[in-house]
C-alpha atoms as a PDB file:
ATOM      1  CA  MET A   1     -70.264 -68.313  26.277  1.00  0.00           C
ATOM      2  CA  LYS A   2     -72.645 -71.375  24.981  1.00  0.00           C
ATOM      3  CA  VAL A   3     -70.652 -72.632  21.772  1.00  0.00           C
ATOM      4  CA  ILE A   4     -72.587 -74.602  18.999  1.00  0.00           C
ATOM      5  CA  TYR A   5     -70.840 -76.232  15.393  1.00  0.00           C
ATOM      6  CA  PHE A   6     -72.882 -76.990  12.501  1.00  0.00           C
ATOM      7  CA  ARG A   7     -70.784 -78.518   9.851  1.00  0.00           C
ATOM      8  CA  HIS A   8     -72.682 -76.394   7.210  1.00  0.00           C
ATOM      9  CA  GLU A   9     -73.512 -72.467   7.157  1.00  0.00           C
ATOM     10  CA  LYS A  10     -76.649 -72.366   5.481  1.00  0.00           C
ATOM     11  CA  GLU A  11     -77.895 -74.221   8.219  1.00  0.00           C
ATOM     12  CA  VAL A  12     -75.472 -71.353  10.678  1.00  0.00           C
ATOM     13  CA  ILE A  13     -76.950 -68.390   8.706  1.00  0.00           C
ATOM     14  CA  TYR A  14     -81.026 -70.814   9.224  1.00  0.00           C
ATOM     15  CA  PHE A  15     -80.657 -70.597  13.299  1.00  0.00           C
ATOM     16  CA  CYS A  16     -79.328 -67.095  13.790  1.00  0.00           C
ATOM     17  CA  GLU A  17     -82.432 -66.113  11.934  1.00  0.00           C
ATOM     18  CA  MET A  18     -84.297 -68.673  14.184  1.00  0.00           C
ATOM     19  CA  LEU A  19     -82.462 -67.089  17.355  1.00  0.00           C
ATOM     20  CA  TYR A  20     -83.337 -63.506  15.734  1.00  0.00           C
ATOM     21  CA  ARG A  21     -87.051 -64.529  16.009  1.00  0.00           C
ATOM     22  CA  ILE A  22     -86.654 -65.051  19.236  1.00  0.00           C
ATOM     23  CA  GLN A  23     -84.252 -63.037  21.207  1.00  0.00           C
ATOM     24  CA  GLY A  24     -84.685 -59.724  18.864  1.00  0.00           C
ATOM     25  CA  GLU A  25     -81.201 -58.308  19.532  1.00  0.00           C
ATOM     26  CA  ILE A  26     -78.297 -60.819  19.689  1.00  0.00           C
ATOM     27  CA  CYS A  27     -75.117 -61.099  19.900  1.00  0.00           C
ATOM     28  CA  VAL A  28     -73.569 -63.760  18.185  1.00  0.00           C
ATOM     29  CA  GLN A  29     -69.363 -64.846  16.715  1.00  0.00           C
ATOM     30  CA  TRP A  30     -68.970 -67.006  13.832  1.00  0.00           C
ATOM     31  CA  LYS A  31     -65.714 -67.950  12.849  1.00  0.00           C
ATOM     32  CA  ARG A  32     -64.611 -71.334  10.568  1.00  0.00           C
ATOM     33  CA  ASP A  33     -63.364 -74.178  12.403  1.00  0.00           C
ATOM     34  CA  GLU A  34     -60.851 -76.952  11.253  1.00  0.00           C
ATOM     35  CA  HIS A  35     -62.486 -80.097  12.225  1.00  0.00           C
ATOM     36  CA  TRP A  36     -66.199 -78.976  12.984  1.00  0.00           C
ATOM     37  CA  GLY A  37     -66.707 -76.853  10.182  1.00  0.00           C
ATOM     38  CA  ASN A  38     -68.831 -73.425  11.858  1.00  0.00           C
ATOM     39  CA  GLU A  39     -68.022 -72.449  15.131  1.00  0.00           C
ATOM     40  CA  LEU A  40     -70.647 -70.119  16.383  1.00  0.00           C
ATOM     41  CA  ARG A  41     -70.329 -68.200  19.770  1.00  0.00           C
ATOM     42  CA  ILE A  42     -73.012 -66.784  21.484  1.00  0.00           C
ATOM     43  CA  GLN A  43     -72.327 -64.052  24.053  1.00  0.00           C
ATOM     44  CA  ASP A  44     -75.984 -62.942  24.929  1.00  0.00           C
ATOM     45  CA  GLN A  45     -76.937 -65.081  28.965  1.00  0.00           C
ATOM     46  CA  LYS A  46     -80.714 -65.052  28.232  1.00  0.00           C
ATOM     47  CA  VAL A  47     -80.150 -67.425  25.494  1.00  0.00           C
ATOM     48  CA  THR A  48     -81.204 -70.921  27.713  1.00  0.00           C
ATOM     49  CA  LEU A  49     -80.206 -73.486  26.499  1.00  0.00           C
ATOM     50  CA  ASP A  50     -84.295 -74.604  25.709  1.00  0.00           C
ATOM     51  CA  ILE A  51     -83.909 -71.519  23.404  1.00  0.00           C
ATOM     52  CA  VAL A  52     -81.267 -72.867  21.487  1.00  0.00           C
ATOM     53  CA  ILE A  53     -82.919 -76.537  21.421  1.00  0.00           C
ATOM     54  CA  SER A  54     -85.641 -74.736  19.867  1.00  0.00           C
ATOM     55  CA  CYS A  55     -83.736 -72.796  17.311  1.00  0.00           C
ATOM     56  CA  LEU A  56     -81.935 -76.603  16.966  1.00  0.00           C
ATOM     57  CA  VAL A  57     -85.283 -77.669  15.864  1.00  0.00           C
ATOM     58  CA  LYS A  58     -85.856 -75.286  13.632  1.00  0.00           C
ATOM     59  CA  VAL A  59     -82.887 -76.222  11.301  1.00  0.00           C
ATOM     60  CA  LEU A  60     -83.735 -79.672  11.518  1.00  0.00           C
ATOM     61  CA  MET A  61     -87.057 -78.796  10.313  1.00  0.00           C
ATOM     62  CA  PHE A  62     -85.852 -76.805   7.327  1.00  0.00           C
ATOM     63  CA  TYR A  63     -82.920 -78.696   6.253  1.00  0.00           C
ATOM     64  CA  ARG A  64     -82.470 -82.118   7.178  1.00  0.00           C
ATOM     65  CA  LEU A  65     -86.370 -83.438   6.992  1.00  0.00           C
ATOM     66  CA  ASN A  66     -87.390 -83.513   4.055  1.00  0.00           C
ATOM     67  CA  LYS A  67     -84.501 -85.520   3.156  1.00  0.00           C
ATOM     68  CA  MET A  68     -84.792 -87.747   5.471  1.00  0.00           C
ATOM     69  CA  ILE A  69     -88.328 -88.918   3.951  1.00  0.00           C
ATOM     70  CA  LYS A  70     -86.627 -88.838   0.877  1.00  0.00           C
ATOM     71  CA  GLN A  71     -83.978 -91.571   1.840  1.00  0.00           C
ATOM     72  CA  ILE A  72     -86.646 -93.627   3.755  1.00  0.00           C
ATOM     73  CA  THR A  73     -89.042 -93.935   0.963  1.00  0.00           C
ATOM     74  CA  ARG A  74     -86.448 -94.763  -0.875  1.00  0.00           C
ATOM     75  CA  GLU A  75     -84.713 -97.317   1.237  1.00  0.00           C
ATOM     76  CA  LYS A  76     -86.932 -98.296   3.328  1.00  0.00           C
ATOM     77  CA  TYR A  77     -90.085 -98.133   0.772  1.00  0.00           C
ATOM     78  CA  PHE A  78     -88.071 -98.792  -2.330  1.00  0.00           C
ATOM     79  CA  TYR A  79     -90.024 -95.929  -4.345  1.00  0.00           C
ATOM     80  CA  THR A  80     -87.252 -94.283  -7.368  1.00  0.00           C
ATOM     81  CA  ASP A  81     -89.748 -92.877  -8.900  1.00  0.00           C
ATOM     82  CA  LYS A  82     -89.384 -88.959  -8.669  1.00  0.00           C
ATOM     83  CA  GLU A  83     -92.002 -87.645  -9.181  1.00  0.00           C
ATOM     84  CA  GLU A  84     -93.778 -90.420  -6.750  1.00  0.00           C
ATOM     85  CA  ILE A  85     -90.962 -89.845  -3.916  1.00  0.00           C
ATOM     86  CA  GLU A  86     -91.871 -85.846  -4.464  1.00  0.00           C
ATOM     87  CA  ARG A  87     -95.199 -86.760  -3.564  1.00  0.00           C
ATOM     88  CA  ILE A  88     -94.936 -89.113  -0.637  1.00  0.00           C
ATOM     89  CA  CYS A  89     -92.715 -86.002   0.894  1.00  0.00           C
ATOM     90  CA  LEU A  90     -95.268 -83.742   0.467  1.00  0.00           C
ATOM     91  CA  LEU A  91     -97.931 -86.001   2.097  1.00  0.00           C
ATOM     92  CA  THR A  92     -95.453 -86.686   4.703  1.00  0.00           C
ATOM     93  CA  ASN A  93     -94.938 -83.957   5.465  1.00  0.00           C
ATOM     94  CA  TRP A  94     -98.594 -82.833   5.548  1.00  0.00           C
ATOM     95  CA  ILE A  95     -98.633 -86.273   8.358  1.00  0.00           C
ATOM     96  CA  VAL A  96     -96.693 -84.862  10.593  1.00  0.00           C
ATOM     97  CA  THR A  97     -98.802 -81.910  11.354  1.00  0.00           C
ATOM     98  CA  GLU A  98    -102.435 -83.686  11.041  1.00  0.00           C
ATOM     99  CA  LYS A  99    -104.051 -83.901  14.112  1.00  0.00           C
ATOM    100  CA  HIS A 100    -105.168 -86.923  14.184  1.00  0.00           C
ATOM    101  CA  TYR A 101    -102.216 -88.356  13.016  1.00  0.00           C
ATOM    102  CA  GLN A 102     -99.882 -86.435  14.772  1.00  0.00           C
ATOM    103  CA  GLU A 103    -102.165 -88.212  18.220  1.00  0.00           C
ATOM    104  CA  GLN A 104    -100.709 -91.703  16.629  1.00  0.00           C
ATOM    105  CA  LEU A 105     -97.123 -90.863  15.784  1.00  0.00           C
ATOM    106  CA  PHE A 106     -96.557 -88.290  18.794  1.00  0.00           C
ATOM    107  CA  LYS A 107     -98.862 -89.533  21.339  1.00  0.00           C
ATOM    108  CA  GLU A 108     -97.534 -87.712  25.080  1.00  0.00           C
ATOM    109  CA  HIS A 109     -95.083 -84.975  22.886  1.00  0.00           C
ATOM    110  CA  PHE A 110     -97.918 -84.304  20.362  1.00  0.00           C
ATOM    111  CA  SER A 111     -96.357 -82.935  17.364  1.00  0.00           C
ATOM    112  CA  LEU A 112     -93.790 -83.655  15.976  1.00  0.00           C
ATOM    113  CA  GLU A 113     -91.988 -80.378  16.620  1.00  0.00           C
ATOM    114  CA  LYS A 114     -91.864 -81.322  20.538  1.00  0.00           C
ATOM    115  CA  TYR A 115     -91.302 -84.758  19.754  1.00  0.00           C
ATOM    116  CA  LEU A 116     -88.033 -83.501  18.552  1.00  0.00           C
ATOM    117  CA  PHE A 117     -87.154 -80.924  20.834  1.00  0.00           C
ATOM    118  CA  ASN A 118     -87.876 -83.741  23.766  1.00  0.00           C
ATOM    119  CA  THR A 119     -85.610 -85.623  22.205  1.00  0.00           C
ATOM    120  CA  LEU A 120     -82.720 -83.176  21.965  1.00  0.00           C
ATOM    121  CA  ARG A 121     -83.164 -82.208  25.128  1.00  0.00           C
ATOM    122  CA  LYS A 122     -82.816 -86.086  26.292  1.00  0.00           C
ATOM    123  CA  ASN A 123     -79.253 -85.803  24.251  1.00  0.00           C
ATOM    124  CA  ILE A 124     -77.698 -82.640  25.263  1.00  0.00           C
ATOM    125  CA  GLU A 125     -76.152 -82.485  28.604  1.00  0.00           C
ATOM    126  CA  ASP A 126     -76.321 -78.467  30.691  1.00  0.00           C
ATOM    127  CA  ALA A 127     -72.541 -78.430  29.191  1.00  0.00           C
ATOM    128  CA  PHE A 128     -71.658 -76.793  25.688  1.00  0.00           C
ATOM    129  CA  PRO A 129     -70.523 -77.016  23.135  1.00  0.00           C
ATOM    130  CA  ILE A 130     -73.243 -79.069  20.688  1.00  0.00           C
ATOM    131  CA  HIS A 131     -72.030 -80.254  18.008  1.00  0.00           C
ATOM    132  CA  PHE A 132     -75.136 -80.424  15.725  1.00  0.00           C
ATOM    133  CA  ASP A 133     -73.819 -83.340  13.197  1.00  0.00           C
ATOM    134  CA  SER A 134     -72.876 -85.486  16.336  1.00  0.00           C
ATOM    135  CA  LEU A 135     -75.928 -84.504  18.410  1.00  0.00           C
ATOM    136  CA  LEU A 136     -78.480 -85.523  15.388  1.00  0.00           C
ATOM    137  CA  THR A 137     -76.041 -88.865  14.782  1.00  0.00           C
ATOM    138  CA  PHE A 138     -77.946 -90.377  18.909  1.00  0.00           C
ATOM    139  CA  CYS A 139     -80.932 -88.871  17.383  1.00  0.00           C
ATOM    140  CA  THR A 140     -81.630 -90.505  13.891  1.00  0.00           C
ATOM    141  CA  GLN A 141     -82.581 -94.225  15.454  1.00  0.00           C
ATOM    142  CA  PRO A 142     -85.909 -93.054  17.074  1.00  0.00           C
ATOM    143  CA  LEU A 143     -86.632 -90.342  14.469  1.00  0.00           C
ATOM    144  CA  GLN A 144     -86.513 -92.766  11.842  1.00  0.00           C
ATOM    145  CA  MET A 145     -88.409 -95.140  13.408  1.00  0.00           C
ATOM    146  CA  LYS A 146     -91.185 -92.039  13.516  1.00  0.00           C
ATOM    147  CA  LEU A 147     -90.525 -90.663  10.193  1.00  0.00           C
ATOM    148  CA  LYS A 148     -90.511 -94.300   8.718  1.00  0.00           C
ATOM    149  CA  GLU A 149     -94.195 -94.624  10.420  1.00  0.00           C
ATOM    150  CA  ALA A 150     -95.587 -91.203   8.751  1.00  0.00           C
ATOM    151  CA  VAL A 151     -93.934 -92.592   5.495  1.00  0.00           C
ATOM    152  CA  GLY A 152     -95.981 -95.602   5.536  1.00  0.00           C
ATOM    153  CA  TYR A 153     -99.264 -93.464   6.481  1.00  0.00           C
ATOM    154  CA  GLY A 154     -98.194 -90.624   3.028  1.00  0.00           C
ATOM    155  CA  ILE A 155     -97.941 -93.405   0.933  1.00  0.00           C
ATOM    156  CA  ASP A 156    -101.318 -95.225   1.962  1.00  0.00           C
ATOM    157  CA  GLU A 157    -103.051 -91.166   1.235  1.00  0.00           C
ATOM    158  CA  MET A 158    -101.377 -91.318  -1.460  1.00  0.00           C
ATOM    159  CA  LYS A 159    -102.625 -94.504  -2.963  1.00  0.00           C
ATOM    160  CA  ARG A 160    -106.257 -93.120  -1.711  1.00  0.00           C
ATOM    161  CA  GLU A 161    -105.631 -90.254  -3.706  1.00  0.00           C
ATOM    162  CA  GLU A 162    -104.558 -92.915  -6.293  1.00  0.00           C
ATOM    163  CA  GLU A 163    -107.738 -94.392  -6.479  1.00  0.00           C
ATOM    164  CA  HIS A 164    -110.202 -92.078  -6.235  1.00  0.00           C
ATOM    165  CA  GLN A 165    -108.751 -89.911  -8.938  1.00  0.00           C
ATOM    166  CA  SER A 166    -109.634 -93.411 -10.859  1.00  0.00           C
ATOM    167  CA  PHE A 167    -112.967 -93.483  -9.162  1.00  0.00           C
ATOM    168  CA  VAL A 168    -113.073 -90.359 -10.946  1.00  0.00           C
ATOM    169  CA  GLN A 169    -112.189 -91.018 -14.455  1.00  0.00           C
ATOM    170  CA  SER A 170    -114.647 -93.988 -14.558  1.00  0.00           C
ATOM    171  CA  ILE A 171    -117.808 -91.795 -13.495  1.00  0.00           C
ATOM    172  CA  ARG A 172    -116.276 -89.203 -16.388  1.00  0.00           C
ATOM    173  CA  ASP A 173    -115.922 -92.106 -18.854  1.00  0.00           C
ATOM    174  CA  PHE A 174    -119.728 -93.107 -17.853  1.00  0.00           C
ATOM    175  CA  ILE A 175    -121.348 -90.395 -18.211  1.00  0.00           C
ATOM    176  CA  LYS A 176    -119.323 -88.738 -21.550  1.00  0.00           C
ATOM    177  CA  ARG A 177    -121.193 -91.855 -23.567  1.00  0.00           C
ATOM    178  CA  ARG A 178    -124.592 -91.116 -21.624  1.00  0.00           C
ATOM    179  CA  GLU A 179    -127.307 -88.603 -22.517  1.00  0.00           C
ATOM    180  CA  SER A 180    -128.039 -85.884 -20.338  1.00  0.00           C
ATOM    181  CA  LYS A 181    -131.414 -86.359 -19.123  1.00  0.00           C
ATOM    182  CA  SER A 182    -133.077 -83.126 -17.235  1.00  0.00           C
ATOM    183  CA  ASP A 183    -131.870 -79.230 -18.160  1.00  0.00           C
ATOM    184  CA  GLU A 184    -130.624 -78.573 -14.579  1.00  0.00           C
ATOM    185  CA  LEU A 185    -130.796 -79.885 -11.162  1.00  0.00           C
ATOM    186  CA  HIS A 186    -130.797 -78.014  -7.402  1.00  0.00           C
ATOM    187  CA  ILE A 187    -128.666 -78.905  -4.519  1.00  0.00           C
ATOM    188  CA  VAL A 188    -128.669 -77.730  -1.143  1.00  0.00           C
ATOM    189  CA  GLN A 189    -125.530 -78.873   1.167  1.00  0.00           C
ATOM    190  CA  GLY A 190    -125.848 -80.423   4.448  1.00  0.00           C
ATOM    191  CA  GLU A 191    -125.017 -83.555   5.802  1.00  0.00           C
ATOM    192  CA  ASN A 192    -127.006 -85.364   2.274  1.00  0.00           C
ATOM    193  CA  PHE A 193    -127.382 -83.267  -0.336  1.00  0.00           C
ATOM    194  CA  THR A 194    -130.970 -82.782  -0.705  1.00  0.00           C
ATOM    195  CA  PHE A 195    -132.702 -82.974  -5.014  1.00  0.00           C
ATOM    196  CA  TYR A 196    -134.588 -80.329  -5.894  1.00  0.00           C
ATOM    197  CA  LYS A 197    -135.944 -80.016 -10.241  1.00  0.00           C
ATOM    198  CA  ALA A 198    -136.109 -77.045 -11.837  1.00  0.00           C
ATOM    199  CA  THR A 199    -139.731 -76.280 -10.138  1.00  0.00           C
ATOM    200  CA  GLY A 200    -138.731 -75.739  -7.158  1.00  0.00           C
ATOM    201  CA  GLU A 201    -140.006 -79.564  -6.207  1.00  0.00           C
ATOM    202  CA  GLN A 202    -138.092 -81.509  -4.069  1.00  0.00           C
ATOM    203  CA  TYR A 203    -137.503 -84.907  -5.136  1.00  0.00           C
ATOM    204  CA  ASN A 204    -138.332 -87.560  -2.489  1.00  0.00           C
ATOM    205  CA  TYR A 205    -136.267 -90.401  -1.237  1.00  0.00           C
ATOM    206  CA  LEU A 206    -138.834 -93.037  -3.562  1.00  0.00           C
ATOM    207  CA  GLU A 207    -138.354 -91.040  -6.176  1.00  0.00           C
ATOM    208  CA  LEU A 208    -135.041 -90.756  -6.492  1.00  0.00           C
ATOM    209  CA  LYS A 209    -134.658 -94.798  -5.164  1.00  0.00           C
ATOM    210  CA  THR A 210    -136.942 -95.217  -8.023  1.00  0.00           C
ATOM    211  CA  LEU A 211    -134.721 -93.678 -10.256  1.00  0.00           C
ATOM    212  CA  MET A 212    -131.601 -95.128  -9.646  1.00  0.00           C
ATOM    213  CA  TYR A 213    -132.757 -99.045 -10.108  1.00  0.00           C
ATOM    214  CA  ASN A 214    -132.912 -98.987 -13.303  1.00  0.00           C
ATOM    215  CA  GLU A 215    -129.957 -97.117 -14.052  1.00  0.00           C
ATOM    216  CA  PRO A 216    -126.307 -99.228 -13.952  1.00  0.00           C
ATOM    217  CA  LEU A 217    -124.648 -97.891 -11.142  1.00  0.00           C
ATOM    218  CA  TYR A 218    -122.949-101.219  -9.848  1.00  0.00           C
ATOM    219  CA  ILE A 219    -120.882-101.042 -12.947  1.00  0.00           C
ATOM    220  CA  LEU A 220    -119.787 -97.868 -11.165  1.00  0.00           C
ATOM    221  CA  GLY A 221    -118.923 -99.984  -7.608  1.00  0.00           C
ATOM    222  CA  LEU A 222    -121.351 -98.082  -6.313  1.00  0.00           C
ATOM    223  CA  ASP A 223    -122.892 -99.067  -3.241  1.00  0.00           C
ATOM    224  CA  ALA A 224    -126.960 -98.990  -3.097  1.00  0.00           C
ATOM    225  CA  ASN A 225    -127.715 -97.001  -0.404  1.00  0.00           C
ATOM    226  CA  GLU A 226    -124.992 -93.961  -1.652  1.00  0.00           C
ATOM    227  CA  MET A 227    -127.637 -90.894  -2.036  1.00  0.00           C
ATOM    228  CA  ASN A 228    -124.993 -88.143  -2.837  1.00  0.00           C
ATOM    229  CA  LEU A 229    -123.278 -89.051  -5.706  1.00  0.00           C
ATOM    230  CA  SER A 230    -125.685 -91.506  -7.389  1.00  0.00           C
ATOM    231  CA  PRO A 231    -128.567 -89.058  -7.508  1.00  0.00           C
ATOM    232  CA  ILE A 232    -126.947 -86.989  -9.834  1.00  0.00           C
ATOM    233  CA  ILE A 233    -125.365 -89.885 -12.270  1.00  0.00           C
ATOM    234  CA  THR A 234    -129.067 -90.881 -12.838  1.00  0.00           C
ATOM    235  CA  LEU A 235    -130.528 -87.482 -13.210  1.00  0.00           C
ATOM    236  CA  LEU A 236    -127.782 -85.954 -15.593  1.00  0.00           C
ATOM    237  CA  PRO A 237    -128.395 -82.594 -15.566  1.00  0.00           C
ATOM    238  CA  LYS A 238    -127.051 -80.578 -18.411  1.00  0.00           C
ATOM    239  CA  LYS A 239    -126.166 -77.961 -15.662  1.00  0.00           C
ATOM    240  CA  ILE A 240    -125.913 -78.172 -11.171  1.00  0.00           C
ATOM    241  CA  TYR A 241    -126.427 -75.662  -9.133  1.00  0.00           C
ATOM    242  CA  ILE A 242    -124.730 -76.236  -5.421  1.00  0.00           C
ATOM    243  CA  TYR A 243    -125.630 -73.933  -2.677  1.00  0.00           C
ATOM    244  CA  GLY A 244    -123.846 -74.062  -0.026  1.00  0.00           C
ATOM    245  CA  ASP A 245    -121.313 -72.362   2.564  1.00  0.00           C
ATOM    246  CA  HIS A 246    -118.481 -75.023   2.153  1.00  0.00           C
ATOM    247  CA  PRO A 247    -117.118 -75.541  -1.398  1.00  0.00           C
ATOM    248  CA  ALA A 248    -113.947 -77.097  -0.353  1.00  0.00           C
ATOM    249  CA  GLU A 249    -117.054 -79.816   1.387  1.00  0.00           C
ATOM    250  CA  ALA A 250    -115.790 -83.444   0.759  1.00  0.00           C
ATOM    251  CA  LYS A 251    -118.547 -83.991  -0.865  1.00  0.00           C
ATOM    252  CA  THR A 252    -118.871 -81.218  -3.243  1.00  0.00           C
ATOM    253  CA  SER A 253    -115.187 -81.411  -4.181  1.00  0.00           C
ATOM    254  CA  THR A 254    -116.176 -84.426  -5.768  1.00  0.00           C
ATOM    255  CA  ILE A 255    -119.351 -83.118  -7.547  1.00  0.00           C
ATOM    256  CA  LEU A 256    -116.874 -80.295  -8.786  1.00  0.00           C
ATOM    257  CA  ASN A 257    -114.071 -82.902  -9.662  1.00  0.00           C
ATOM    258  CA  ILE A 258    -116.579 -84.943 -11.704  1.00  0.00           C
ATOM    259  CA  PHE A 259    -118.834 -82.525 -12.817  1.00  0.00           C
ATOM    260  CA  GLN A 260    -116.144 -79.418 -13.924  1.00  0.00           C
ATOM    261  CA  GLU A 261    -117.695 -77.119 -16.073  1.00  0.00           C
ATOM    262  CA  ARG A 262    -121.743 -78.390 -15.480  1.00  0.00           C
ATOM    263  CA  VAL A 263    -121.757 -77.386 -11.894  1.00  0.00           C
ATOM    264  CA  THR A 264    -122.117 -73.660 -10.302  1.00  0.00           C
ATOM    265  CA  PHE A 265    -121.245 -73.222  -6.556  1.00  0.00           C
ATOM    266  CA  LEU A 266    -123.490 -70.526  -4.777  1.00  0.00           C
ATOM    267  CA  PRO A 267    -123.950 -69.329  -0.854  1.00  0.00           C
ATOM    268  CA  LYS A 268    -127.770 -71.043  -0.031  1.00  0.00           C
ATOM    269  CA  GLU A 269    -129.018 -67.578   0.074  1.00  0.00           C
ATOM    270  CA  ARG A 270    -128.728 -67.761  -3.263  1.00  0.00           C
ATOM    271  CA  PHE A 271    -131.351 -70.841  -3.314  1.00  0.00           C
ATOM    272  CA  PRO A 272    -134.654 -69.418  -5.492  1.00  0.00           C
ATOM    273  CA  PHE A 273    -136.994 -71.558  -3.760  1.00  0.00           C
ATOM    274  CA  HIS A 274    -136.536 -70.279  -0.265  1.00  0.00           C
ATOM    275  CA  TYR A 275    -139.416 -71.834   1.140  1.00  0.00           C
ATOM    276  CA  HIS A 276    -137.964 -75.657   0.526  1.00  0.00           C
ATOM    277  CA  VAL A 277    -134.580 -75.093   2.315  1.00  0.00           C
ATOM    278  CA  ASN A 278    -134.787 -75.466   6.289  1.00  0.00           C
END
């Protein structure tokens, strides 16, 4: 018999749902307890301690994690605006699932879920009962340290997004005040964009650099060697056609964000000057 105590009914229900997903048919007894809130008795011997811990991790991540992240955002980083806190929470949730950040945060554990499993496992003896809230009390300090670091990364991401949006808006304002210099520009995706005139002739590097030299791109803070966005701002066409297989690619997303209705994205096979494409 395995006995687990939960303070909140919704967490008991979610635990049972997770257990059912793993085991299929399950046999449990649930009753109110005067001191511990909700008592769950698991009679199935096939339900191991590791299975129980896995389900507890799911409960923690679903019901407790966002509350902890928001608390850290308010109390450790002193954010008070609700929208900012929500945004940081969303970004932190992304941080803890992103491979690059997972390696920094959880190291040999590889993921938040495995980290939580191993942390809970260390604090649970083989014997039951398990008191979920008491268990979390013992695990809070190391988990809080990990989450504080993750929230810090989330705040950094939010600031980068804000800086990027400010940069995008400055370019929008810049091109709004300038007249278009050509009717259309054709662009082929690649490590760097390749640019073509309406006639199918490719713009060469020297030609683009000469045109860019006569534009005040320094106002926008663009590097002199930037050869993806700067040529488009310099040529400023009425219509932009981008050909490729990756509409969500970073450079392309930026162009779509800045030039919006001017841009049409098409598959690479629609490029009208086939003999120029490698």
